[in-house]
Amino acid sequence: MTAAQACVKAGAHCITLQAEGDIHLHHTLSWLGQQTVPVIGGEMPVIRGISLCPATPLDVIYPHSERR
């Protein structure tokens, strides 16, 4: 089980992935986009994000952006 899967299983509503630390970033973001977590009155989609180290250029996240 990946860390992202463990977080969803534990009920996390918001998960941020570090771009430099996930070699399957696009796959993990896509998978998270299909996940929901229970909330009072139903379910909600998992909110997903990408974090960067200060020295990493923004170009790293453009391929993973929904607004390309």
PDB file of N, CA and C in Angstrom:
ATOM      1  N   MET A   1       0.850  -1.176   0.000  1.00  0.00           N
ATOM      2  CA  MET A   1       0.000   0.000   0.000  1.00  0.00           C
ATOM      3  C   MET A   1       0.898   1.241   0.000  1.00  0.00           C
ATOM      4  N   THR A   2       0.573   2.195  -0.873  1.00  0.00           N
ATOM      5  CA  THR A   2       1.357   3.426  -0.920  1.00  0.00           C
ATOM      6  C   THR A   2       0.938   4.349   0.218  1.00  0.00           C
ATOM      7  N   ALA A   3       1.733   5.366   0.444  1.00  0.00           N
ATOM      8  CA  ALA A   3       1.400   6.346   1.484  1.00  0.00           C
ATOM      9  C   ALA A   3       0.081   7.040   1.151  1.00  0.00           C
ATOM     10  N   ALA A   4      -0.143   7.357  -0.130  1.00  0.00           N
ATOM     11  CA  ALA A   4      -1.399   8.008  -0.530  1.00  0.00           C
ATOM     12  C   ALA A   4      -2.585   7.091  -0.261  1.00  0.00           C
ATOM     13  N   GLN A   5      -2.455   5.817  -0.578  1.00  0.00           N
ATOM     14  CA  GLN A   5      -3.536   4.865  -0.315  1.00  0.00           C
ATOM     15  C   GLN A   5      -3.810   4.751   1.175  1.00  0.00           C
ATOM     16  N   ALA A   6      -2.756   4.722   1.978  1.00  0.00           N
ATOM     17  CA  ALA A   6      -2.926   4.638   3.429  1.00  0.00           C
ATOM     18  C   ALA A   6      -3.638   5.876   3.967  1.00  0.00           C
ATOM     19  N   CYS A   7      -3.317   7.042   3.422  1.00  0.00           N
ATOM     20  CA  CYS A   7      -3.972   8.281   3.868  1.00  0.00           C
ATOM     21  C   CYS A   7      -5.457   8.265   3.541  1.00  0.00           C
ATOM     22  N   VAL A   8      -5.805   7.825   2.328  1.00  0.00           N
ATOM     23  CA  VAL A   8      -7.219   7.748   1.943  1.00  0.00           C
ATOM     24  C   VAL A   8      -7.939   6.737   2.825  1.00  0.00           C
ATOM     25  N   LYS A   9      -7.321   5.599   3.047  1.00  0.00           N
ATOM     26  CA  LYS A   9      -7.932   4.568   3.890  1.00  0.00           C
ATOM     27  C   LYS A   9      -8.176   5.093   5.302  1.00  0.00           C
ATOM     28  N   ALA A  10      -7.294   5.965   5.781  1.00  0.00           N
ATOM     29  CA  ALA A  10      -7.437   6.535   7.122  1.00  0.00           C
ATOM     30  C   ALA A  10      -8.458   7.672   7.163  1.00  0.00           C
ATOM     31  N   GLY A  11      -8.962   8.086   5.971  1.00  0.00           N
ATOM     32  CA  GLY A  11      -9.999   9.107   5.929  1.00  0.00           C
ATOM     33  C   GLY A  11      -9.528  10.515   5.647  1.00  0.00           C
ATOM     34  N   ALA A  12      -8.310  10.674   5.134  1.00  0.00           N
ATOM     35  CA  ALA A  12      -7.797  12.016   4.830  1.00  0.00           C
ATOM     36  C   ALA A  12      -8.639  12.676   3.746  1.00  0.00           C
ATOM     37  N   HIS A  13      -8.984  13.921   3.947  1.00  0.00           N
ATOM     38  CA  HIS A  13      -9.785  14.667   2.973  1.00  0.00           C
ATOM     39  C   HIS A  13      -8.916  15.434   1.996  1.00  0.00           C
ATOM     40  N   CYS A  14      -7.677  15.728   2.389  1.00  0.00           N
ATOM     41  CA  CYS A  14      -6.777  16.539   1.569  1.00  0.00           C
ATOM     42  C   CYS A  14      -5.383  15.911   1.622  1.00  0.00           C
ATOM     43  N   ILE A  15      -4.813  15.656   0.448  1.00  0.00           N
ATOM     44  CA  ILE A  15      -3.495  15.029   0.381  1.00  0.00           C
ATOM     45  C   ILE A  15      -2.610  15.853  -0.546  1.00  0.00           C
ATOM     46  N   THR A  16      -1.429  16.212  -0.069  1.00  0.00           N
ATOM     47  CA  THR A  16      -0.455  16.956  -0.860  1.00  0.00           C
ATOM     48  C   THR A  16       0.739  16.052  -1.128  1.00  0.00           C
ATOM     49  N   LEU A  17       1.114  15.952  -2.390  1.00  0.00           N
ATOM     50  CA  LEU A  17       2.256  15.138  -2.788  1.00  0.00           C
ATOM     51  C   LEU A  17       3.438  16.048  -3.091  1.00  0.00           C
ATOM     52  N   GLN A  18       4.616  15.630  -2.686  1.00  0.00           N
ATOM     53  CA  GLN A  18       5.816  16.400  -3.003  1.00  0.00           C
ATOM     54  C   GLN A  18       6.315  15.951  -4.367  1.00  0.00           C
ATOM     55  N   ALA A  19       6.407  16.889  -5.294  1.00  0.00           N
ATOM     56  CA  ALA A  19       6.761  16.571  -6.683  1.00  0.00           C
ATOM     57  C   ALA A  19       8.091  15.838  -6.781  1.00  0.00           C
ATOM     58  N   GLU A  20       9.052  16.211  -5.976  1.00  0.00           N
ATOM     59  CA  GLU A  20      10.382  15.600  -6.060  1.00  0.00           C
ATOM     60  C   GLU A  20      10.416  14.195  -5.459  1.00  0.00           C
ATOM     61  N   GLY A  21       9.432  13.833  -4.688  1.00  0.00           N
ATOM     62  CA  GLY A  21       9.493  12.564  -3.981  1.00  0.00           C
ATOM     63  C   GLY A  21       8.625  11.461  -4.539  1.00  0.00           C
ATOM     64  N   ASP A  22       7.840  11.728  -5.572  1.00  0.00           N
ATOM     65  CA  ASP A  22       6.919  10.720  -6.095  1.00  0.00           C
ATOM     66  C   ASP A  22       7.223  10.487  -7.566  1.00  0.00           C
ATOM     67  N   ILE A  23       7.819   9.326  -7.876  1.00  0.00           N
ATOM     68  CA  ILE A  23       8.188   9.058  -9.264  1.00  0.00           C
ATOM     69  C   ILE A  23       6.965   8.768 -10.135  1.00  0.00           C
ATOM     70  N   HIS A  24       5.841   8.443  -9.528  1.00  0.00           N
ATOM     71  CA  HIS A  24       4.605   8.174 -10.260  1.00  0.00           C
ATOM     72  C   HIS A  24       3.581   9.264  -9.958  1.00  0.00           C
ATOM     73  N   LEU A  25       4.012  10.513  -9.972  1.00  0.00           N
ATOM     74  CA  LEU A  25       3.171  11.630  -9.557  1.00  0.00           C
ATOM     75  C   LEU A  25       1.869  11.692 -10.346  1.00  0.00           C
ATOM     76  N   HIS A  26       1.935  11.603 -11.666  1.00  0.00           N
ATOM     77  CA  HIS A  26       0.722  11.703 -12.480  1.00  0.00           C
ATOM     78  C   HIS A  26      -0.252  10.568 -12.156  1.00  0.00           C
ATOM     79  N   HIS A  27       0.275   9.361 -12.029  1.00  0.00           N
ATOM     80  CA  HIS A  27      -0.566   8.202 -11.704  1.00  0.00           C
ATOM     81  C   HIS A  27      -1.217   8.371 -10.331  1.00  0.00           C
ATOM     82  N   THR A  28      -0.446   8.806  -9.360  1.00  0.00           N
ATOM     83  CA  THR A  28      -0.974   8.982  -8.005  1.00  0.00           C
ATOM     84  C   THR A  28      -2.026  10.083  -7.964  1.00  0.00           C
ATOM     85  N   LEU A  29      -1.781  11.200  -8.650  1.00  0.00           N
ATOM     86  CA  LEU A  29      -2.770  12.282  -8.697  1.00  0.00           C
ATOM     87  C   LEU A  29      -4.058  11.817  -9.370  1.00  0.00           C
ATOM     88  N   SER A  30      -3.935  11.051 -10.450  1.00  0.00           N
ATOM     89  CA  SER A  30      -5.121  10.529 -11.136  1.00  0.00           C
ATOM     90  C   SER A  30      -5.904   9.598 -10.224  1.00  0.00           C
ATOM     91  N   TRP A  31      -5.201   8.721  -9.535  1.00  0.00           N
ATOM     92  CA  TRP A  31      -5.860   7.793  -8.618  1.00  0.00           C
ATOM     93  C   TRP A  31      -6.576   8.558  -7.507  1.00  0.00           C
ATOM     94  N   LEU A  32      -5.912   9.542  -6.928  1.00  0.00           N
ATOM     95  CA  LEU A  32      -6.534  10.335  -5.866  1.00  0.00           C
ATOM     96  C   LEU A  32      -7.788  11.047  -6.365  1.00  0.00           C
ATOM     97  N   GLY A  33      -7.780  11.481  -7.625  1.00  0.00           N
ATOM     98  CA  GLY A  33      -8.934  12.164  -8.194  1.00  0.00           C
ATOM     99  C   GLY A  33     -10.164  11.284  -8.304  1.00  0.00           C
ATOM    100  N   GLN A  34      -9.978   9.985  -8.231  1.00  0.00           N
ATOM    101  CA  GLN A  34     -11.089   9.038  -8.311  1.00  0.00           C
ATOM    102  C   GLN A  34     -11.579   8.598  -6.935  1.00  0.00           C
ATOM    103  N   GLN A  35     -10.912   9.048  -5.885  1.00  0.00           N
ATOM    104  CA  GLN A  35     -11.232   8.592  -4.536  1.00  0.00           C
ATOM    105  C   GLN A  35     -12.199   9.543  -3.833  1.00  0.00           C
ATOM    106  N   THR A  36     -13.016   8.978  -2.961  1.00  0.00           N
ATOM    107  CA  THR A  36     -13.897   9.766  -2.104  1.00  0.00           C
ATOM    108  C   THR A  36     -13.704   9.308  -0.671  1.00  0.00           C
ATOM    109  N   VAL A  37     -14.054  10.171   0.257  1.00  0.00           N
ATOM    110  CA  VAL A  37     -13.989   9.830   1.676  1.00  0.00           C
ATOM    111  C   VAL A  37     -15.335  10.154   2.305  1.00  0.00           C
ATOM    112  N   PRO A  38     -15.721   9.383   3.309  1.00  0.00           N
ATOM    113  CA  PRO A  38     -17.015   9.632   3.945  1.00  0.00           C
ATOM    114  C   PRO A  38     -17.007  10.908   4.783  1.00  0.00           C
ATOM    115  N   VAL A  39     -18.106  11.630   4.707  1.00  0.00           N
ATOM    116  CA  VAL A  39     -18.342  12.809   5.538  1.00  0.00           C
ATOM    117  C   VAL A  39     -19.785  12.735   6.025  1.00  0.00           C
ATOM    118  N   ILE A  40     -20.124  13.560   6.977  1.00  0.00           N
ATOM    119  CA  ILE A  40     -21.496  13.573   7.468  1.00  0.00           C
ATOM    120  C   ILE A  40     -22.421  13.911   6.301  1.00  0.00           C
ATOM    121  N   GLY A  41     -23.369  13.056   6.048  1.00  0.00           N
ATOM    122  CA  GLY A  41     -24.328  13.288   4.976  1.00  0.00           C
ATOM    123  C   GLY A  41     -23.912  12.764   3.618  1.00  0.00           C
ATOM    124  N   GLY A  42     -22.817  12.038   3.518  1.00  0.00           N
ATOM    125  CA  GLY A  42     -22.428  11.474   2.225  1.00  0.00           C
ATOM    126  C   GLY A  42     -20.943  11.265   2.070  1.00  0.00           C
ATOM    127  N   GLU A  43     -20.456  11.615   0.905  1.00  0.00           N
ATOM    128  CA  GLU A  43     -19.037  11.461   0.592  1.00  0.00           C
ATOM    129  C   GLU A  43     -18.547  12.716  -0.109  1.00  0.00           C
ATOM    130  N   MET A  44     -17.246  12.926  -0.071  1.00  0.00           N
ATOM    131  CA  MET A  44     -16.650  14.051  -0.788  1.00  0.00           C
ATOM    132  C   MET A  44     -15.394  13.569  -1.495  1.00  0.00           C
ATOM    133  N   PRO A  45     -15.036  14.206  -2.610  1.00  0.00           N
ATOM    134  CA  PRO A  45     -13.803  13.811  -3.290  1.00  0.00           C
ATOM    135  C   PRO A  45     -12.581  14.216  -2.471  1.00  0.00           C
ATOM    136  N   VAL A  46     -11.521  13.465  -2.635  1.00  0.00           N
ATOM    137  CA  VAL A  46     -10.259  13.806  -1.991  1.00  0.00           C
ATOM    138  C   VAL A  46      -9.676  15.028  -2.705  1.00  0.00           C
ATOM    139  N   ILE A  47      -9.297  16.020  -1.939  1.00  0.00           N
ATOM    140  CA  ILE A  47      -8.640  17.206  -2.486  1.00  0.00           C
ATOM    141  C   ILE A  47      -7.160  16.872  -2.617  1.00  0.00           C
ATOM    142  N   ARG A  48      -6.588  17.146  -3.777  1.00  0.00           N
ATOM    143  CA  ARG A  48      -5.183  16.778  -3.999  1.00  0.00           C
ATOM    144  C   ARG A  48      -4.370  17.994  -4.394  1.00  0.00           C
ATOM    145  N   GLY A  49      -3.104  17.963  -4.017  1.00  0.00           N
ATOM    146  CA  GLY A  49      -2.224  19.080  -4.323  1.00  0.00           C
ATOM    147  C   GLY A  49      -0.801  18.612  -4.529  1.00  0.00           C
ATOM    148  N   ILE A  50       0.018  19.528  -5.033  1.00  0.00           N
ATOM    149  CA  ILE A  50       1.435  19.254  -5.271  1.00  0.00           C
ATOM    150  C   ILE A  50       2.251  20.315  -4.548  1.00  0.00           C
ATOM    151  N   SER A  51       3.268  19.880  -3.827  1.00  0.00           N
ATOM    152  CA  SER A  51       4.191  20.825  -3.194  1.00  0.00           C
ATOM    153  C   SER A  51       5.548  20.723  -3.885  1.00  0.00           C
ATOM    154  N   LEU A  52       6.296  21.813  -3.809  1.00  0.00           N
ATOM    155  CA  LEU A  52       7.625  21.870  -4.419  1.00  0.00           C
ATOM    156  C   LEU A  52       8.647  22.369  -3.415  1.00  0.00           C
ATOM    157  N   CYS A  53       9.866  21.870  -3.518  1.00  0.00           N
ATOM    158  CA  CYS A  53      10.969  22.464  -2.775  1.00  0.00           C
ATOM    159  C   CYS A  53      11.256  23.831  -3.400  1.00  0.00           C
ATOM    160  N   PRO A  54      11.734  24.792  -2.615  1.00  0.00           N
ATOM    161  CA  PRO A  54      11.974  26.136  -3.151  1.00  0.00           C
ATOM    162  C   PRO A  54      12.895  26.172  -4.373  1.00  0.00           C
ATOM    163  N   ALA A  55      13.839  25.271  -4.467  1.00  0.00           N
ATOM    164  CA  ALA A  55      14.785  25.285  -5.588  1.00  0.00           C
ATOM    165  C   ALA A  55      14.240  24.616  -6.853  1.00  0.00           C
ATOM    166  N   THR A  56      13.088  23.979  -6.762  1.00  0.00           N
ATOM    167  CA  THR A  56      12.520  23.276  -7.911  1.00  0.00           C
ATOM    168  C   THR A  56      11.767  24.249  -8.812  1.00  0.00           C
ATOM    169  N   PRO A  57      12.045  24.239 -10.117  1.00  0.00           N
ATOM    170  CA  PRO A  57      11.327  25.143 -11.026  1.00  0.00           C
ATOM    171  C   PRO A  57       9.857  24.735 -11.172  1.00  0.00           C
ATOM    172  N   LEU A  58       9.006  25.721 -11.388  1.00  0.00           N
ATOM    173  CA  LEU A  58       7.573  25.465 -11.545  1.00  0.00           C
ATOM    174  C   LEU A  58       7.265  24.566 -12.736  1.00  0.00           C
ATOM    175  N   ASP A  59       8.155  24.534 -13.709  1.00  0.00           N
ATOM    176  CA  ASP A  59       7.936  23.694 -14.889  1.00  0.00           C
ATOM    177  C   ASP A  59       7.681  22.237 -14.525  1.00  0.00           C
ATOM    178  N   VAL A  60       8.149  21.805 -13.379  1.00  0.00           N
ATOM    179  CA  VAL A  60       7.981  20.420 -12.945  1.00  0.00           C
ATOM    180  C   VAL A  60       6.501  20.062 -12.795  1.00  0.00           C
ATOM    181  N   ILE A  61       5.676  21.000 -12.361  1.00  0.00           N
ATOM    182  CA  ILE A  61       4.268  20.661 -12.111  1.00  0.00           C
ATOM    183  C   ILE A  61       3.352  20.904 -13.312  1.00  0.00           C
ATOM    184  N   TYR A  62       3.803  21.629 -14.325  1.00  0.00           N
ATOM    185  CA  TYR A  62       2.929  21.923 -15.466  1.00  0.00           C
ATOM    186  C   TYR A  62       2.335  20.677 -16.122  1.00  0.00           C
ATOM    187  N   PRO A  63       3.089  19.596 -16.321  1.00  0.00           N
ATOM    188  CA  PRO A  63       2.486  18.407 -16.936  1.00  0.00           C
ATOM    189  C   PRO A  63       1.365  17.786 -16.090  1.00  0.00           C
ATOM    190  N   HIS A  64       1.320  18.108 -14.814  1.00  0.00           N
ATOM    191  CA  HIS A  64       0.329  17.522 -13.914  1.00  0.00           C
ATOM    192  C   HIS A  64      -0.826  18.468 -13.625  1.00  0.00           C
ATOM    193  N   SER A  65      -0.774  19.647 -14.192  1.00  0.00           N
ATOM    194  CA  SER A  65      -1.794  20.659 -13.942  1.00  0.00           C
ATOM    195  C   SER A  65      -3.031  20.394 -14.788  1.00  0.00           C
ATOM    196  N   GLU A  66      -4.208  20.619 -14.204  1.00  0.00           N
ATOM    197  CA  GLU A  66      -5.454  20.475 -14.952  1.00  0.00           C
ATOM    198  C   GLU A  66      -5.683  21.678 -15.849  1.00  0.00           C
ATOM    199  N   ARG A  67      -4.928  22.754 -15.638  1.00  0.00           N
ATOM    200  CA  ARG A  67      -5.058  23.978 -16.435  1.00  0.00           C
ATOM    201  C   ARG A  67      -3.802  24.191 -17.265  1.00  0.00           C
ATOM    202  N   ARG A  68      -3.546  23.318 -18.190  1.00  0.00           N
ATOM    203  CA  ARG A  68      -2.336  23.414 -19.021  1.00  0.00           C
ATOM    204  C   ARG A  68      -2.509  24.396 -20.118  1.00  0.00           C
TER     205      ARG A  68
END
